[in-house]
Structure formats: C-alpha cells, structure tokens
Amino acid sequence: MPKYLFTCEVEPQYLSEQSSPEEDQYAFAYTITITNTGEATAQLIARHWIIDDEQGHTEQVKGLGVVGHQPLLRPGESFQYTSGTRLKTPTGSMRGSFFCVAEDGERFEAEVPEFMLRAAGAGDAPSRVLH
C-alpha cells in the first residue's frame, strides 16, 4: 500500500430546476468522496479543476480547500462534499486534482479522474414541446 494516497469518487447530477436551456445555462452538482487509502495522515490543502464544455471551452478553477474545508484525514477516513458548476452546453466534463500534505511534510496530489456532466435528455432525440 502506498504511503501517500487519497482516492476520489464522484457522483455528478444535473440540476434541471437551476438550469435554463433556452438561455444556454446548464447547472450541475457533483458529490466528491475523498478517502485516505494510504498509510499516512494527510490534509487536503487546495483544489484544481479543469471544466470542458462540448464546444471546446475550458475553464480552470483553483482555490484553497473544498467548500471552506481543508480536511485532515487519517488512513481509512473519508470526507464527502457537494459543489456545483454551470455550463453553456448540455454536456461537458470535469477532471482535476487535490494538493495534499502529509503529517511528515510530504506533498502529493490526489487525481480526480474525468467524469461526464450530462443534462437530462442530452444526446437523445430532440423532444417536442407544445406551447
């Protein structure tokens, strides 16, 4: 088992009630579970997200902590949080990393694999709307 390792699981969700497709506004939430699967206690210090929409627009977001927290995780402990993003297209993707520091001062990154953001019905046959 690696000494320094955080693993990340993601659960994305489309937020139809906060979206306005007619104005090209698509809202998504994502729940991240970060688990210390290494052997050393470590703290999440900062985040870096790369957000792509289907038109090739890329946005990078960097900042300290997650939702106002910099969780300190002992081996086997997890931290879960929910945040969100908006796209101008019904589909896109996110990927990123967390910068972490172990108790002994060792620095490492925890990768968040790419995950899809997809509005309900995106990619399906166009729906008919009656007015």
C-alpha atoms as a PDB file:
ATOM      1  CA  MET A   1       0.000   0.000   0.000  1.00  0.00           C
ATOM      2  CA  PRO A   2       1.391   3.441  -0.925  1.00  0.00           C
ATOM      3  CA  LYS A   3       2.230   5.688   1.988  1.00  0.00           C
ATOM      4  CA  TYR A   4       0.576   8.779   0.460  1.00  0.00           C
ATOM      5  CA  LEU A   5      -2.660   8.131  -1.396  1.00  0.00           C
ATOM      6  CA  PHE A   6      -6.105   9.734  -1.483  1.00  0.00           C
ATOM      7  CA  THR A   7      -8.695   8.159  -3.789  1.00  0.00           C
ATOM      8  CA  CYS A   8     -11.670  10.124  -5.107  1.00  0.00           C
ATOM      9  CA  GLU A   9     -15.143   9.021  -6.166  1.00  0.00           C
ATOM     10  CA  VAL A  10     -17.548  11.330  -7.985  1.00  0.00           C
ATOM     11  CA  GLU A  11     -21.333  11.331  -8.318  1.00  0.00           C
ATOM     12  CA  PRO A  12     -22.468  14.027 -10.827  1.00  0.00           C
ATOM     13  CA  GLN A  13     -26.068  15.213 -11.077  1.00  0.00           C
ATOM     14  CA  TYR A  14     -27.928  17.516 -13.485  1.00  0.00           C
ATOM     15  CA  LEU A  15     -29.934  20.251 -11.737  1.00  0.00           C
ATOM     16  CA  SER A  16     -32.885  20.893 -14.049  1.00  0.00           C
ATOM     17  CA  GLU A  17     -34.566  23.305 -11.597  1.00  0.00           C
ATOM     18  CA  GLN A  18     -31.483  25.579 -11.678  1.00  0.00           C
ATOM     19  CA  SER A  19     -30.968  25.325 -15.439  1.00  0.00           C
ATOM     20  CA  SER A  20     -32.333  27.415 -18.317  1.00  0.00           C
ATOM     21  CA  PRO A  21     -31.657  25.519 -21.554  1.00  0.00           C
ATOM     22  CA  GLU A  22     -33.298  28.282 -23.600  1.00  0.00           C
ATOM     23  CA  GLU A  23     -30.591  30.640 -22.225  1.00  0.00           C
ATOM     24  CA  ASP A  24     -27.778  28.063 -22.587  1.00  0.00           C
ATOM     25  CA  GLN A  25     -27.422  27.673 -18.805  1.00  0.00           C
ATOM     26  CA  TYR A  26     -26.992  24.120 -17.507  1.00  0.00           C
ATOM     27  CA  ALA A  27     -26.385  23.578 -13.788  1.00  0.00           C
ATOM     28  CA  PHE A  28     -24.704  20.507 -12.340  1.00  0.00           C
ATOM     29  CA  ALA A  29     -23.882  19.302  -8.856  1.00  0.00           C
ATOM     30  CA  TYR A  30     -21.182  16.799  -8.042  1.00  0.00           C
ATOM     31  CA  THR A  31     -20.583  14.918  -4.837  1.00  0.00           C
ATOM     32  CA  ILE A  32     -16.976  14.011  -4.161  1.00  0.00           C
ATOM     33  CA  THR A  33     -15.878  11.380  -1.650  1.00  0.00           C
ATOM     34  CA  ILE A  34     -12.183  11.619  -0.791  1.00  0.00           C
ATOM     35  CA  THR A  35     -10.749   8.626   1.077  1.00  0.00           C
ATOM     36  CA  ASN A  36      -7.280   8.342   2.554  1.00  0.00           C
ATOM     37  CA  THR A  37      -6.254   4.922   1.248  1.00  0.00           C
ATOM     38  CA  GLY A  38      -2.603   5.451   2.115  1.00  0.00           C
ATOM     39  CA  GLU A  39      -0.670   4.756   5.295  1.00  0.00           C
ATOM     40  CA  ALA A  40      -0.089   8.358   6.466  1.00  0.00           C
ATOM     41  CA  THR A  41      -2.401  11.023   7.889  1.00  0.00           C
ATOM     42  CA  ALA A  42      -2.633  13.900   5.393  1.00  0.00           C
ATOM     43  CA  GLN A  43      -4.521  17.122   4.783  1.00  0.00           C
ATOM     44  CA  LEU A  44      -6.218  18.346   1.623  1.00  0.00           C
ATOM     45  CA  ILE A  45      -4.907  21.880   1.045  1.00  0.00           C
ATOM     46  CA  ALA A  46      -6.111  23.019  -2.391  1.00  0.00           C
ATOM     47  CA  ARG A  47      -8.099  22.020  -5.462  1.00  0.00           C
ATOM     48  CA  HIS A  48      -7.617  22.402  -9.218  1.00  0.00           C
ATOM     49  CA  TRP A  49     -10.497  21.698 -11.624  1.00  0.00           C
ATOM     50  CA  ILE A  50     -10.485  21.625 -15.414  1.00  0.00           C
ATOM     51  CA  ILE A  51     -14.018  22.006 -16.789  1.00  0.00           C
ATOM     52  CA  ASP A  52     -14.728  21.454 -20.502  1.00  0.00           C
ATOM     53  CA  ASP A  53     -17.985  22.013 -22.357  1.00  0.00           C
ATOM     54  CA  GLU A  54     -18.944  20.307 -25.619  1.00  0.00           C
ATOM     55  CA  GLN A  55     -17.931  23.380 -27.663  1.00  0.00           C
ATOM     56  CA  GLY A  56     -14.322  23.098 -26.513  1.00  0.00           C
ATOM     57  CA  HIS A  57     -14.450  25.926 -23.959  1.00  0.00           C
ATOM     58  CA  THR A  58     -12.184  25.138 -20.993  1.00  0.00           C
ATOM     59  CA  GLU A  59     -12.342  26.770 -17.582  1.00  0.00           C
ATOM     60  CA  GLN A  60      -9.804  26.183 -14.821  1.00  0.00           C
ATOM     61  CA  VAL A  61     -10.697  26.680 -11.173  1.00  0.00           C
ATOM     62  CA  LYS A  62      -8.057  26.762  -8.444  1.00  0.00           C
ATOM     63  CA  GLY A  63      -8.505  27.517  -4.778  1.00  0.00           C
ATOM     64  CA  LEU A  64      -7.804  26.610  -1.201  1.00  0.00           C
ATOM     65  CA  GLY A  65      -9.692  23.693   0.313  1.00  0.00           C
ATOM     66  CA  VAL A  66     -13.099  22.400  -0.695  1.00  0.00           C
ATOM     67  CA  VAL A  67     -16.367  24.106   0.346  1.00  0.00           C
ATOM     68  CA  GLY A  68     -14.473  26.045   3.006  1.00  0.00           C
ATOM     69  CA  HIS A  69     -12.715  22.997   4.483  1.00  0.00           C
ATOM     70  CA  GLN A  70      -9.193  21.602   4.426  1.00  0.00           C
ATOM     71  CA  PRO A  71      -9.934  18.149   5.840  1.00  0.00           C
ATOM     72  CA  LEU A  72      -7.273  16.213   7.744  1.00  0.00           C
ATOM     73  CA  LEU A  73      -7.769  12.508   7.023  1.00  0.00           C
ATOM     74  CA  ARG A  74      -6.226   9.618   8.902  1.00  0.00           C
ATOM     75  CA  PRO A  75      -5.734   6.346   6.993  1.00  0.00           C
ATOM     76  CA  GLY A  76      -9.179   4.901   6.178  1.00  0.00           C
ATOM     77  CA  GLU A  77     -11.065   8.157   6.841  1.00  0.00           C
ATOM     78  CA  SER A  78     -13.224   9.868   4.213  1.00  0.00           C
ATOM     79  CA  PHE A  79     -14.551  13.363   3.588  1.00  0.00           C
ATOM     80  CA  GLN A  80     -17.575  13.994   1.375  1.00  0.00           C
ATOM     81  CA  TYR A  81     -18.801  17.281  -0.048  1.00  0.00           C
ATOM     82  CA  THR A  82     -21.123  18.556  -2.753  1.00  0.00           C
ATOM     83  CA  SER A  83     -20.423  21.508  -5.006  1.00  0.00           C
ATOM     84  CA  GLY A  84     -21.558  22.644  -8.421  1.00  0.00           C
ATOM     85  CA  THR A  85     -20.750  24.209 -11.760  1.00  0.00           C
ATOM     86  CA  ARG A  86     -22.557  25.721 -14.732  1.00  0.00           C
ATOM     87  CA  LEU A  87     -22.022  25.043 -18.416  1.00  0.00           C
ATOM     88  CA  LYS A  88     -23.301  26.791 -21.554  1.00  0.00           C
ATOM     89  CA  THR A  89     -23.827  23.385 -23.204  1.00  0.00           C
ATOM     90  CA  PRO A  90     -25.893  20.361 -22.101  1.00  0.00           C
ATOM     91  CA  THR A  91     -22.837  18.112 -21.848  1.00  0.00           C
ATOM     92  CA  GLY A  92     -19.286  18.520 -20.694  1.00  0.00           C
ATOM     93  CA  SER A  93     -16.687  17.007 -18.423  1.00  0.00           C
ATOM     94  CA  MET A  94     -14.590  17.749 -15.367  1.00  0.00           C
ATOM     95  CA  ARG A  95     -11.305  16.437 -14.061  1.00  0.00           C
ATOM     96  CA  GLY A  96      -8.850  17.698 -11.550  1.00  0.00           C
ATOM     97  CA  SER A  97      -6.680  17.144  -8.547  1.00  0.00           C
ATOM     98  CA  PHE A  98      -6.285  17.931  -4.879  1.00  0.00           C
ATOM     99  CA  PHE A  99      -2.992  19.143  -3.464  1.00  0.00           C
ATOM    100  CA  CYS A 100      -2.304  17.390  -0.163  1.00  0.00           C
ATOM    101  CA  VAL A 101       0.339  17.476   2.555  1.00  0.00           C
ATOM    102  CA  ALA A 102       1.086  14.541   4.835  1.00  0.00           C
ATOM    103  CA  GLU A 103       1.897  14.947   8.533  1.00  0.00           C
ATOM    104  CA  ASP A 104       5.586  14.408   7.796  1.00  0.00           C
ATOM    105  CA  GLY A 105       5.550  17.309   5.314  1.00  0.00           C
ATOM    106  CA  GLU A 106       5.496  15.158   2.163  1.00  0.00           C
ATOM    107  CA  ARG A 107       3.452  16.798  -0.611  1.00  0.00           C
ATOM    108  CA  PHE A 108       1.376  14.806  -3.091  1.00  0.00           C
ATOM    109  CA  GLU A 109      -1.537  15.155  -5.478  1.00  0.00           C
ATOM    110  CA  ALA A 110      -4.758  13.174  -5.499  1.00  0.00           C
ATOM    111  CA  GLU A 111      -6.104  12.860  -9.031  1.00  0.00           C
ATOM    112  CA  VAL A 112      -9.825  13.092  -9.783  1.00  0.00           C
ATOM    113  CA  PRO A 113     -10.467  11.105 -12.974  1.00  0.00           C
ATOM    114  CA  GLU A 114     -12.502  12.756 -15.714  1.00  0.00           C
ATOM    115  CA  PHE A 115     -16.264  12.495 -15.250  1.00  0.00           C
ATOM    116  CA  MET A 116     -19.128  13.480 -17.528  1.00  0.00           C
ATOM    117  CA  LEU A 117     -21.689  16.210 -16.948  1.00  0.00           C
ATOM    118  CA  ARG A 118     -24.809  15.454 -18.947  1.00  0.00           C
ATOM    119  CA  ALA A 119     -28.155  17.235 -18.871  1.00  0.00           C
ATOM    120  CA  ALA A 120     -31.235  15.017 -18.813  1.00  0.00           C
ATOM    121  CA  GLY A 121     -32.094  14.173 -22.387  1.00  0.00           C
ATOM    122  CA  ALA A 122     -28.779  15.454 -23.799  1.00  0.00           C
ATOM    123  CA  GLY A 123     -27.820  13.332 -26.742  1.00  0.00           C
ATOM    124  CA  ASP A 124     -31.335  11.916 -27.018  1.00  0.00           C
ATOM    125  CA  ALA A 125     -33.646  12.674 -29.910  1.00  0.00           C
ATOM    126  CA  PRO A 126     -34.933  16.254 -29.693  1.00  0.00           C
ATOM    127  CA  SER A 127     -38.062  16.452 -27.577  1.00  0.00           C
ATOM    128  CA  ARG A 128     -41.159  18.173 -28.828  1.00  0.00           C
ATOM    129  CA  VAL A 129     -42.511  21.000 -26.736  1.00  0.00           C
ATOM    130  CA  LEU A 130     -46.114  22.113 -27.118  1.00  0.00           C
ATOM    131  CA  HIS A 131     -46.921  25.765 -26.471  1.00  0.00           C
END
